[in-house]
Amino acid sequence: CPSLLVIMHVAYREAKEQRHRATHGDDYHCIYPNPG
């Protein structure tokens, strides 16, 4: 089960990064350059 939590946390970071990119366009500042 803890492995699932790690995967979910990484997926949350990736989704947050995608939302930030969609909001600020191509010139956005990366929140998580490497989500993993």
ModelCIF file with pLDDT and N, C-alpha, C, O atoms, coordinates in Angstrom:
data_MODEL
#
_entry.id   MODEL 
#
_entity.id                         1 
_entity.type                       polymer 
_entity.pdbx_number_of_molecules   1 
#
_entity_poly.entity_id                      1 
_entity_poly.type                           'polypeptide(L)' 
_entity_poly.nstd_linkage                   no 
_entity_poly.nstd_monomer                   no 
_entity_poly.pdbx_seq_one_letter_code       CPSLLVIMHVAYREAKEQRHRATHGDDYHCIYPNPG 
_entity_poly.pdbx_seq_one_letter_code_can   CPSLLVIMHVAYREAKEQRHRATHGDDYHCIYPNPG 
_entity_poly.pdbx_strand_id                 A 
#
loop_
_entity_poly_seq.entity_id 
_entity_poly_seq.num 
_entity_poly_seq.mon_id 
_entity_poly_seq.hetero 
1 1  CYS n 
1 2  PRO n 
1 3  SER n 
1 4  LEU n 
1 5  LEU n 
1 6  VAL n 
1 7  ILE n 
1 8  MET n 
1 9  HIS n 
1 10 VAL n 
1 11 ALA n 
1 12 TYR n 
1 13 ARG n 
1 14 GLU n 
1 15 ALA n 
1 16 LYS n 
1 17 GLU n 
1 18 GLN n 
1 19 ARG n 
1 20 HIS n 
1 21 ARG n 
1 22 ALA n 
1 23 THR n 
1 24 HIS n 
1 25 GLY n 
1 26 ASP n 
1 27 ASP n 
1 28 TYR n 
1 29 HIS n 
1 30 CYS n 
1 31 ILE n 
1 32 TYR n 
1 33 PRO n 
1 34 ASN n 
1 35 PRO n 
1 36 GLY n 
#
_struct_asym.id          A 
_struct_asym.entity_id   1 
#
loop_
_ma_qa_metric.id 
_ma_qa_metric.mode 
_ma_qa_metric.name 
_ma_qa_metric.software_group_id 
_ma_qa_metric.type 
1 global pLDDT . pLDDT 
2 local  pLDDT . pLDDT 
#
_ma_qa_metric_global.metric_id      1 
_ma_qa_metric_global.metric_value   69.47 
_ma_qa_metric_global.model_id       1 
_ma_qa_metric_global.ordinal_id     1 
#
loop_
_ma_qa_metric_local.label_asym_id 
_ma_qa_metric_local.label_comp_id 
_ma_qa_metric_local.label_seq_id 
_ma_qa_metric_local.metric_id 
_ma_qa_metric_local.metric_value 
_ma_qa_metric_local.model_id 
_ma_qa_metric_local.ordinal_id 
A CYS 1  2 81.00 1 1  
A PRO 2  2 81.00 1 2  
A SER 3  2 77.00 1 3  
A LEU 4  2 79.00 1 4  
A LEU 5  2 81.00 1 5  
A VAL 6  2 79.00 1 6  
A ILE 7  2 77.00 1 7  
A MET 8  2 78.00 1 8  
A HIS 9  2 73.00 1 9  
A VAL 10 2 74.00 1 10 
A ALA 11 2 73.00 1 11 
A TYR 12 2 72.00 1 12 
A ARG 13 2 71.00 1 13 
A GLU 14 2 69.00 1 14 
A ALA 15 2 74.00 1 15 
A LYS 16 2 72.00 1 16 
A GLU 17 2 68.00 1 17 
A GLN 18 2 73.00 1 18 
A ARG 19 2 73.00 1 19 
A HIS 20 2 64.00 1 20 
A ARG 21 2 68.00 1 21 
A ALA 22 2 67.00 1 22 
A THR 23 2 70.00 1 23 
A HIS 24 2 66.00 1 24 
A GLY 25 2 63.00 1 25 
A ASP 26 2 61.00 1 26 
A ASP 27 2 62.00 1 27 
A TYR 28 2 62.00 1 28 
A HIS 29 2 63.00 1 29 
A CYS 30 2 65.00 1 30 
A ILE 31 2 65.00 1 31 
A TYR 32 2 62.00 1 32 
A PRO 33 2 58.00 1 33 
A ASN 34 2 60.00 1 34 
A PRO 35 2 60.00 1 35 
A GLY 36 2 60.00 1 36 
#
loop_
_atom_site.group_PDB 
_atom_site.id 
_atom_site.type_symbol 
_atom_site.label_atom_id 
_atom_site.label_alt_id 
_atom_site.label_comp_id 
_atom_site.label_asym_id 
_atom_site.label_entity_id 
_atom_site.label_seq_id 
_atom_site.pdbx_PDB_ins_code 
_atom_site.Cartn_x 
_atom_site.Cartn_y 
_atom_site.Cartn_z 
_atom_site.occupancy 
_atom_site.B_iso_or_equiv 
_atom_site.pdbx_formal_charge 
_atom_site.auth_seq_id 
_atom_site.auth_comp_id 
_atom_site.auth_asym_id 
_atom_site.auth_atom_id 
_atom_site.pdbx_PDB_model_num 
ATOM 1   N N  . CYS A 1 1  ? 0.808  -1.225 0.000   1.00 81.00 ? 1  CYS A N  1 
ATOM 2   C CA . CYS A 1 1  ? 0.000  0.000  0.000   1.00 81.00 ? 1  CYS A CA 1 
ATOM 3   C C  . CYS A 1 1  ? 0.844  1.279  0.000   1.00 81.00 ? 1  CYS A C  1 
ATOM 4   O O  . CYS A 1 1  ? 0.501  2.213  -0.725  1.00 81.00 ? 1  CYS A O  1 
ATOM 5   N N  . PRO A 1 2  ? 1.940  1.368  0.783   1.00 81.00 ? 2  PRO A N  1 
ATOM 6   C CA . PRO A 1 2  ? 2.753  2.592  0.737   1.00 81.00 ? 2  PRO A CA 1 
ATOM 7   C C  . PRO A 1 2  ? 3.296  2.915  -0.647  1.00 81.00 ? 2  PRO A C  1 
ATOM 8   O O  . PRO A 1 2  ? 3.479  4.085  -0.983  1.00 81.00 ? 2  PRO A O  1 
ATOM 9   N N  . SER A 1 3  ? 3.555  1.884  -1.458  1.00 77.00 ? 3  SER A N  1 
ATOM 10  C CA . SER A 1 3  ? 4.012  2.140  -2.826  1.00 77.00 ? 3  SER A CA 1 
ATOM 11  C C  . SER A 1 3  ? 2.944  2.875  -3.621  1.00 77.00 ? 3  SER A C  1 
ATOM 12  O O  . SER A 1 3  ? 3.258  3.719  -4.461  1.00 77.00 ? 3  SER A O  1 
ATOM 13  N N  . LEU A 1 4  ? 1.679  2.551  -3.355  1.00 79.00 ? 4  LEU A N  1 
ATOM 14  C CA . LEU A 1 4  ? 0.582  3.263  -4.015  1.00 79.00 ? 4  LEU A CA 1 
ATOM 15  C C  . LEU A 1 4  ? 0.566  4.731  -3.618  1.00 79.00 ? 4  LEU A C  1 
ATOM 16  O O  . LEU A 1 4  ? 0.278  5.588  -4.454  1.00 79.00 ? 4  LEU A O  1 
ATOM 17  N N  . LEU A 1 5  ? 0.869  5.040  -2.364  1.00 81.00 ? 5  LEU A N  1 
ATOM 18  C CA . LEU A 1 5  ? 0.896  6.433  -1.913  1.00 81.00 ? 5  LEU A CA 1 
ATOM 19  C C  . LEU A 1 5  ? 1.984  7.220  -2.636  1.00 81.00 ? 5  LEU A C  1 
ATOM 20  O O  . LEU A 1 5  ? 1.776  8.376  -3.003  1.00 81.00 ? 5  LEU A O  1 
ATOM 21  N N  . VAL A 1 6  ? 3.146  6.595  -2.841  1.00 79.00 ? 6  VAL A N  1 
ATOM 22  C CA . VAL A 1 6  ? 4.235  7.269  -3.557  1.00 79.00 ? 6  VAL A CA 1 
ATOM 23  C C  . VAL A 1 6  ? 3.809  7.576  -4.985  1.00 79.00 ? 6  VAL A C  1 
ATOM 24  O O  . VAL A 1 6  ? 4.020  8.686  -5.474  1.00 79.00 ? 6  VAL A O  1 
ATOM 25  N N  . ILE A 1 7  ? 3.204  6.589  -5.659  1.00 77.00 ? 7  ILE A N  1 
ATOM 26  C CA . ILE A 1 7  ? 2.752  6.791  -7.031  1.00 77.00 ? 7  ILE A CA 1 
ATOM 27  C C  . ILE A 1 7  ? 1.692  7.891  -7.101  1.00 77.00 ? 7  ILE A C  1 
ATOM 28  O O  . ILE A 1 7  ? 1.712  8.721  -8.010  1.00 77.00 ? 7  ILE A O  1 
ATOM 29  N N  . MET A 1 8  ? 0.770  7.893  -6.140  1.00 78.00 ? 8  MET A N  1 
ATOM 30  C CA . MET A 1 8  ? -0.275 8.916  -6.129  1.00 78.00 ? 8  MET A CA 1 
ATOM 31  C C  . MET A 1 8  ? 0.312  10.305 -5.894  1.00 78.00 ? 8  MET A C  1 
ATOM 32  O O  . MET A 1 8  ? -0.162 11.284 -6.471  1.00 78.00 ? 8  MET A O  1 
ATOM 33  N N  . HIS A 1 9  ? 1.335  10.398 -5.054  1.00 73.00 ? 9  HIS A N  1 
ATOM 34  C CA . HIS A 1 9  ? 1.959  11.693 -4.802  1.00 73.00 ? 9  HIS A CA 1 
ATOM 35  C C  . HIS A 1 9  ? 2.652  12.211 -6.063  1.00 73.00 ? 9  HIS A C  1 
ATOM 36  O O  . HIS A 1 9  ? 2.560  13.396 -6.385  1.00 73.00 ? 9  HIS A O  1 
ATOM 37  N N  . VAL A 1 10 ? 3.339  11.325 -6.769  1.00 74.00 ? 10 VAL A N  1 
ATOM 38  C CA . VAL A 1 10 ? 3.995  11.737 -8.025  1.00 74.00 ? 10 VAL A CA 1 
ATOM 39  C C  . VAL A 1 10 ? 2.942  12.143 -9.052  1.00 74.00 ? 10 VAL A C  1 
ATOM 40  O O  . VAL A 1 10 ? 3.118  13.133 -9.762  1.00 74.00 ? 10 VAL A O  1 
ATOM 41  N N  . ALA A 1 11 ? 1.845  11.380 -9.134  1.00 73.00 ? 11 ALA A N  1 
ATOM 42  C CA . ALA A 1 11 ? 0.773  11.727 -10.074 1.00 73.00 ? 11 ALA A CA 1 
ATOM 43  C C  . ALA A 1 11 ? 0.155  13.077 -9.725  1.00 73.00 ? 11 ALA A C  1 
ATOM 44  O O  . ALA A 1 11 ? -0.206 13.843 -10.619 1.00 73.00 ? 11 ALA A O  1 
ATOM 45  N N  . TYR A 1 12 ? 0.032  13.372 -8.438  1.00 72.00 ? 12 TYR A N  1 
ATOM 46  C CA . TYR A 1 12 ? -0.482 14.677 -8.010  1.00 72.00 ? 12 TYR A CA 1 
ATOM 47  C C  . TYR A 1 12 ? 0.449  15.797 -8.458  1.00 72.00 ? 12 TYR A C  1 
ATOM 48  O O  . TYR A 1 12 ? -0.011 16.837 -8.930  1.00 72.00 ? 12 TYR A O  1 
ATOM 49  N N  . ARG A 1 13 ? 1.743  15.591 -8.314  1.00 71.00 ? 13 ARG A N  1 
ATOM 50  C CA . ARG A 1 13 ? 2.714  16.600 -8.762  1.00 71.00 ? 13 ARG A CA 1 
ATOM 51  C C  . ARG A 1 13 ? 2.621  16.824 -10.265 1.00 71.00 ? 13 ARG A C  1 
ATOM 52  O O  . ARG A 1 13 ? 2.638  17.961 -10.735 1.00 71.00 ? 13 ARG A O  1 
ATOM 53  N N  . GLU A 1 14 ? 2.525  15.732 -11.012 1.00 69.00 ? 14 GLU A N  1 
ATOM 54  C CA . GLU A 1 14 ? 2.448  15.856 -12.468 1.00 69.00 ? 14 GLU A CA 1 
ATOM 55  C C  . GLU A 1 14 ? 1.174  16.583 -12.891 1.00 69.00 ? 14 GLU A C  1 
ATOM 56  O O  . GLU A 1 14 ? 1.207  17.419 -13.794 1.00 69.00 ? 14 GLU A O  1 
ATOM 57  N N  . ALA A 1 15 ? 0.050  16.267 -12.241 1.00 74.00 ? 15 ALA A N  1 
ATOM 58  C CA . ALA A 1 15 ? -1.208 16.944 -12.576 1.00 74.00 ? 15 ALA A CA 1 
ATOM 59  C C  . ALA A 1 15 ? -1.145 18.427 -12.215 1.00 74.00 ? 15 ALA A C  1 
ATOM 60  O O  . ALA A 1 15 ? -1.655 19.265 -12.958 1.00 74.00 ? 15 ALA A O  1 
ATOM 61  N N  . LYS A 1 16 ? -0.528 18.756 -11.089 1.00 72.00 ? 16 LYS A N  1 
ATOM 62  C CA . LYS A 1 16 ? -0.387 20.155 -10.686 1.00 72.00 ? 16 LYS A CA 1 
ATOM 63  C C  . LYS A 1 16 ? 0.496  20.910 -11.673 1.00 72.00 ? 16 LYS A C  1 
ATOM 64  O O  . LYS A 1 16 ? 0.224  22.065 -12.000 1.00 72.00 ? 16 LYS A O  1 
ATOM 65  N N  . GLU A 1 17 ? 1.551  20.257 -12.144 1.00 68.00 ? 17 GLU A N  1 
ATOM 66  C CA . GLU A 1 17 ? 2.440  20.880 -13.128 1.00 68.00 ? 17 GLU A CA 1 
ATOM 67  C C  . GLU A 1 17 ? 1.708  21.134 -14.441 1.00 68.00 ? 17 GLU A C  1 
ATOM 68  O O  . GLU A 1 17 ? 1.912  22.171 -15.071 1.00 68.00 ? 17 GLU A O  1 
ATOM 69  N N  . GLN A 1 18 ? 0.860  20.198 -14.857 1.00 73.00 ? 18 GLN A N  1 
ATOM 70  C CA . GLN A 1 18 ? 0.099  20.379 -16.090 1.00 73.00 ? 18 GLN A CA 1 
ATOM 71  C C  . GLN A 1 18 ? -0.903 21.512 -15.969 1.00 73.00 ? 18 GLN A C  1 
ATOM 72  O O  . GLN A 1 18 ? -1.065 22.296 -16.905 1.00 73.00 ? 18 GLN A O  1 
ATOM 73  N N  . ARG A 1 19 ? -1.581 21.612 -14.826 1.00 73.00 ? 19 ARG A N  1 
ATOM 74  C CA . ARG A 1 19 ? -2.525 22.715 -14.626 1.00 73.00 ? 19 ARG A CA 1 
ATOM 75  C C  . ARG A 1 19 ? -1.808 24.056 -14.619 1.00 73.00 ? 19 ARG A C  1 
ATOM 76  O O  . ARG A 1 19 ? -2.313 25.035 -15.169 1.00 73.00 ? 19 ARG A O  1 
ATOM 77  N N  . HIS A 1 20 ? -0.637 24.104 -14.001 1.00 64.00 ? 20 HIS A N  1 
ATOM 78  C CA . HIS A 1 20 ? 0.132  25.343 -13.969 1.00 64.00 ? 20 HIS A CA 1 
ATOM 79  C C  . HIS A 1 20 ? 0.576  25.736 -15.373 1.00 64.00 ? 20 HIS A C  1 
ATOM 80  O O  . HIS A 1 20 ? 0.571  26.917 -15.722 1.00 64.00 ? 20 HIS A O  1 
ATOM 81  N N  . ARG A 1 21 ? 0.957  24.752 -16.172 1.00 68.00 ? 21 ARG A N  1 
ATOM 82  C CA . ARG A 1 21 ? 1.376  25.038 -17.553 1.00 68.00 ? 21 ARG A CA 1 
ATOM 83  C C  . ARG A 1 21 ? 0.203  25.533 -18.386 1.00 68.00 ? 21 ARG A C  1 
ATOM 84  O O  . ARG A 1 21 ? 0.350  26.456 -19.186 1.00 68.00 ? 21 ARG A O  1 
ATOM 85  N N  . ALA A 1 22 ? -0.962 24.917 -18.196 1.00 67.00 ? 22 ALA A N  1 
ATOM 86  C CA . ALA A 1 22 ? -2.138 25.335 -18.958 1.00 67.00 ? 22 ALA A CA 1 
ATOM 87  C C  . ALA A 1 22 ? -2.579 26.748 -18.575 1.00 67.00 ? 22 ALA A C  1 
ATOM 88  O O  . ALA A 1 22 ? -3.114 27.479 -19.409 1.00 67.00 ? 22 ALA A O  1 
ATOM 89  N N  . THR A 1 23 ? -2.357 27.132 -17.323 1.00 70.00 ? 23 THR A N  1 
ATOM 90  C CA . THR A 1 23 ? -2.786 28.456 -16.858 1.00 70.00 ? 23 THR A CA 1 
ATOM 91  C C  . THR A 1 23 ? -1.845 29.557 -17.329 1.00 70.00 ? 23 THR A C  1 
ATOM 92  O O  . THR A 1 23 ? -2.308 30.634 -17.705 1.00 70.00 ? 23 THR A O  1 
ATOM 93  N N  . HIS A 1 24 ? -0.529 29.314 -17.320 1.00 66.00 ? 24 HIS A N  1 
ATOM 94  C CA . HIS A 1 24 ? 0.450  30.362 -17.584 1.00 66.00 ? 24 HIS A CA 1 
ATOM 95  C C  . HIS A 1 24 ? 1.082  30.273 -18.966 1.00 66.00 ? 24 HIS A C  1 
ATOM 96  O O  . HIS A 1 24 ? 1.927  31.105 -19.298 1.00 66.00 ? 24 HIS A O  1 
ATOM 97  N N  . GLY A 1 25 ? 0.708  29.304 -19.775 1.00 63.00 ? 25 GLY A N  1 
ATOM 98  C CA . GLY A 1 25 ? 1.243  29.226 -21.127 1.00 63.00 ? 25 GLY A CA 1 
ATOM 99  C C  . GLY A 1 25 ? 2.658  28.662 -21.177 1.00 63.00 ? 25 GLY A C  1 
ATOM 100 O O  . GLY A 1 25 ? 3.126  28.029 -20.231 1.00 63.00 ? 25 GLY A O  1 
ATOM 101 N N  . ASP A 1 26 ? 3.328  28.908 -22.303 1.00 61.00 ? 26 ASP A N  1 
ATOM 102 C CA . ASP A 1 26 ? 4.656  28.325 -22.516 1.00 61.00 ? 26 ASP A CA 1 
ATOM 103 C C  . ASP A 1 26 ? 5.749  28.989 -21.679 1.00 61.00 ? 26 ASP A C  1 
ATOM 104 O O  . ASP A 1 26 ? 6.789  28.375 -21.445 1.00 61.00 ? 26 ASP A O  1 
ATOM 105 N N  . ASP A 1 27 ? 5.547  30.195 -21.233 1.00 62.00 ? 27 ASP A N  1 
ATOM 106 C CA . ASP A 1 27 ? 6.578  30.909 -20.472 1.00 62.00 ? 27 ASP A CA 1 
ATOM 107 C C  . ASP A 1 27 ? 6.408  30.740 -18.964 1.00 62.00 ? 27 ASP A C  1 
ATOM 108 O O  . ASP A 1 27 ? 6.795  31.618 -18.193 1.00 62.00 ? 27 ASP A O  1 
ATOM 109 N N  . TYR A 1 28 ? 5.841  29.637 -18.552 1.00 62.00 ? 28 TYR A N  1 
ATOM 110 C CA . TYR A 1 28 ? 5.589  29.430 -17.130 1.00 62.00 ? 28 TYR A CA 1 
ATOM 111 C C  . TYR A 1 28 ? 6.869  28.957 -16.439 1.00 62.00 ? 28 TYR A C  1 
ATOM 112 O O  . TYR A 1 28 ? 7.788  28.440 -17.074 1.00 62.00 ? 28 TYR A O  1 
ATOM 113 N N  . HIS A 1 29 ? 6.899  29.148 -15.128 1.00 63.00 ? 29 HIS A N  1 
ATOM 114 C CA . HIS A 1 29 ? 8.013  28.662 -14.313 1.00 63.00 ? 29 HIS A CA 1 
ATOM 115 C C  . HIS A 1 29 ? 7.649  27.296 -13.729 1.00 63.00 ? 29 HIS A C  1 
ATOM 116 O O  . HIS A 1 29 ? 6.608  27.154 -13.087 1.00 63.00 ? 29 HIS A O  1 
ATOM 117 N N  . CYS A 1 30 ? 8.489  26.305 -13.945 1.00 65.00 ? 30 CYS A N  1 
ATOM 118 C CA . CYS A 1 30 ? 8.210  24.939 -13.496 1.00 65.00 ? 30 CYS A CA 1 
ATOM 119 C C  . CYS A 1 30 ? 8.107  24.877 -11.969 1.00 65.00 ? 30 CYS A C  1 
ATOM 120 O O  . CYS A 1 30 ? 8.982  25.361 -11.250 1.00 65.00 ? 30 CYS A O  1 
ATOM 121 N N  . ILE A 1 31 ? 7.034  24.278 -11.503 1.00 65.00 ? 31 ILE A N  1 
ATOM 122 C CA . ILE A 1 31 ? 6.907  24.026 -10.067 1.00 65.00 ? 31 ILE A CA 1 
ATOM 123 C C  . ILE A 1 31 ? 7.727  22.799 -9.688  1.00 65.00 ? 31 ILE A C  1 
ATOM 124 O O  . ILE A 1 31 ? 8.442  22.792 -8.686  1.00 65.00 ? 31 ILE A O  1 
ATOM 125 N N  . TYR A 1 32 ? 7.606  21.772 -10.507 1.00 62.00 ? 32 TYR A N  1 
ATOM 126 C CA . TYR A 1 32 ? 8.351  20.524 -10.273 1.00 62.00 ? 32 TYR A CA 1 
ATOM 127 C C  . TYR A 1 32 ? 9.084  20.151 -11.559 1.00 62.00 ? 32 TYR A C  1 
ATOM 128 O O  . TYR A 1 32 ? 8.526  19.446 -12.399 1.00 62.00 ? 32 TYR A O  1 
ATOM 129 N N  . PRO A 1 33 ? 10.336 20.617 -11.728 1.00 58.00 ? 33 PRO A N  1 
ATOM 130 C CA . PRO A 1 33 ? 11.097 20.232 -12.926 1.00 58.00 ? 33 PRO A CA 1 
ATOM 131 C C  . PRO A 1 33 ? 11.183 18.718 -13.095 1.00 58.00 ? 33 PRO A C  1 
ATOM 132 O O  . PRO A 1 33 ? 11.165 18.209 -14.216 1.00 58.00 ? 33 PRO A O  1 
ATOM 133 N N  . ASN A 1 34 ? 11.277 18.002 -11.973 1.00 60.00 ? 34 ASN A N  1 
ATOM 134 C CA . ASN A 1 34 ? 11.294 16.541 -11.993 1.00 60.00 ? 34 ASN A CA 1 
ATOM 135 C C  . ASN A 1 34 ? 10.319 16.047 -10.931 1.00 60.00 ? 34 ASN A C  1 
ATOM 136 O O  . ASN A 1 34 ? 10.691 15.923 -9.765  1.00 60.00 ? 34 ASN A O  1 
ATOM 137 N N  . PRO A 1 35 ? 9.061  15.760 -11.321 1.00 60.00 ? 35 PRO A N  1 
ATOM 138 C CA . PRO A 1 35 ? 8.051  15.395 -10.315 1.00 60.00 ? 35 PRO A CA 1 
ATOM 139 C C  . PRO A 1 35 ? 8.410  14.159 -9.498  1.00 60.00 ? 35 PRO A C  1 
ATOM 140 O O  . PRO A 1 35 ? 7.950  14.010 -8.366  1.00 60.00 ? 35 PRO A O  1 
ATOM 141 N N  . GLY A 1 36 ? 9.230  13.270 -10.064 1.00 60.00 ? 36 GLY A N  1 
ATOM 142 C CA . GLY A 1 36 ? 9.584  12.053 -9.353  1.00 60.00 ? 36 GLY A CA 1 
ATOM 143 C C  . GLY A 1 36 ? 10.783 12.187 -8.443  1.00 60.00 ? 36 GLY A C  1 
ATOM 144 O O  . GLY A 1 36 ? 11.174 11.220 -7.790  1.00 60.00 ? 36 GLY A O  1 
#
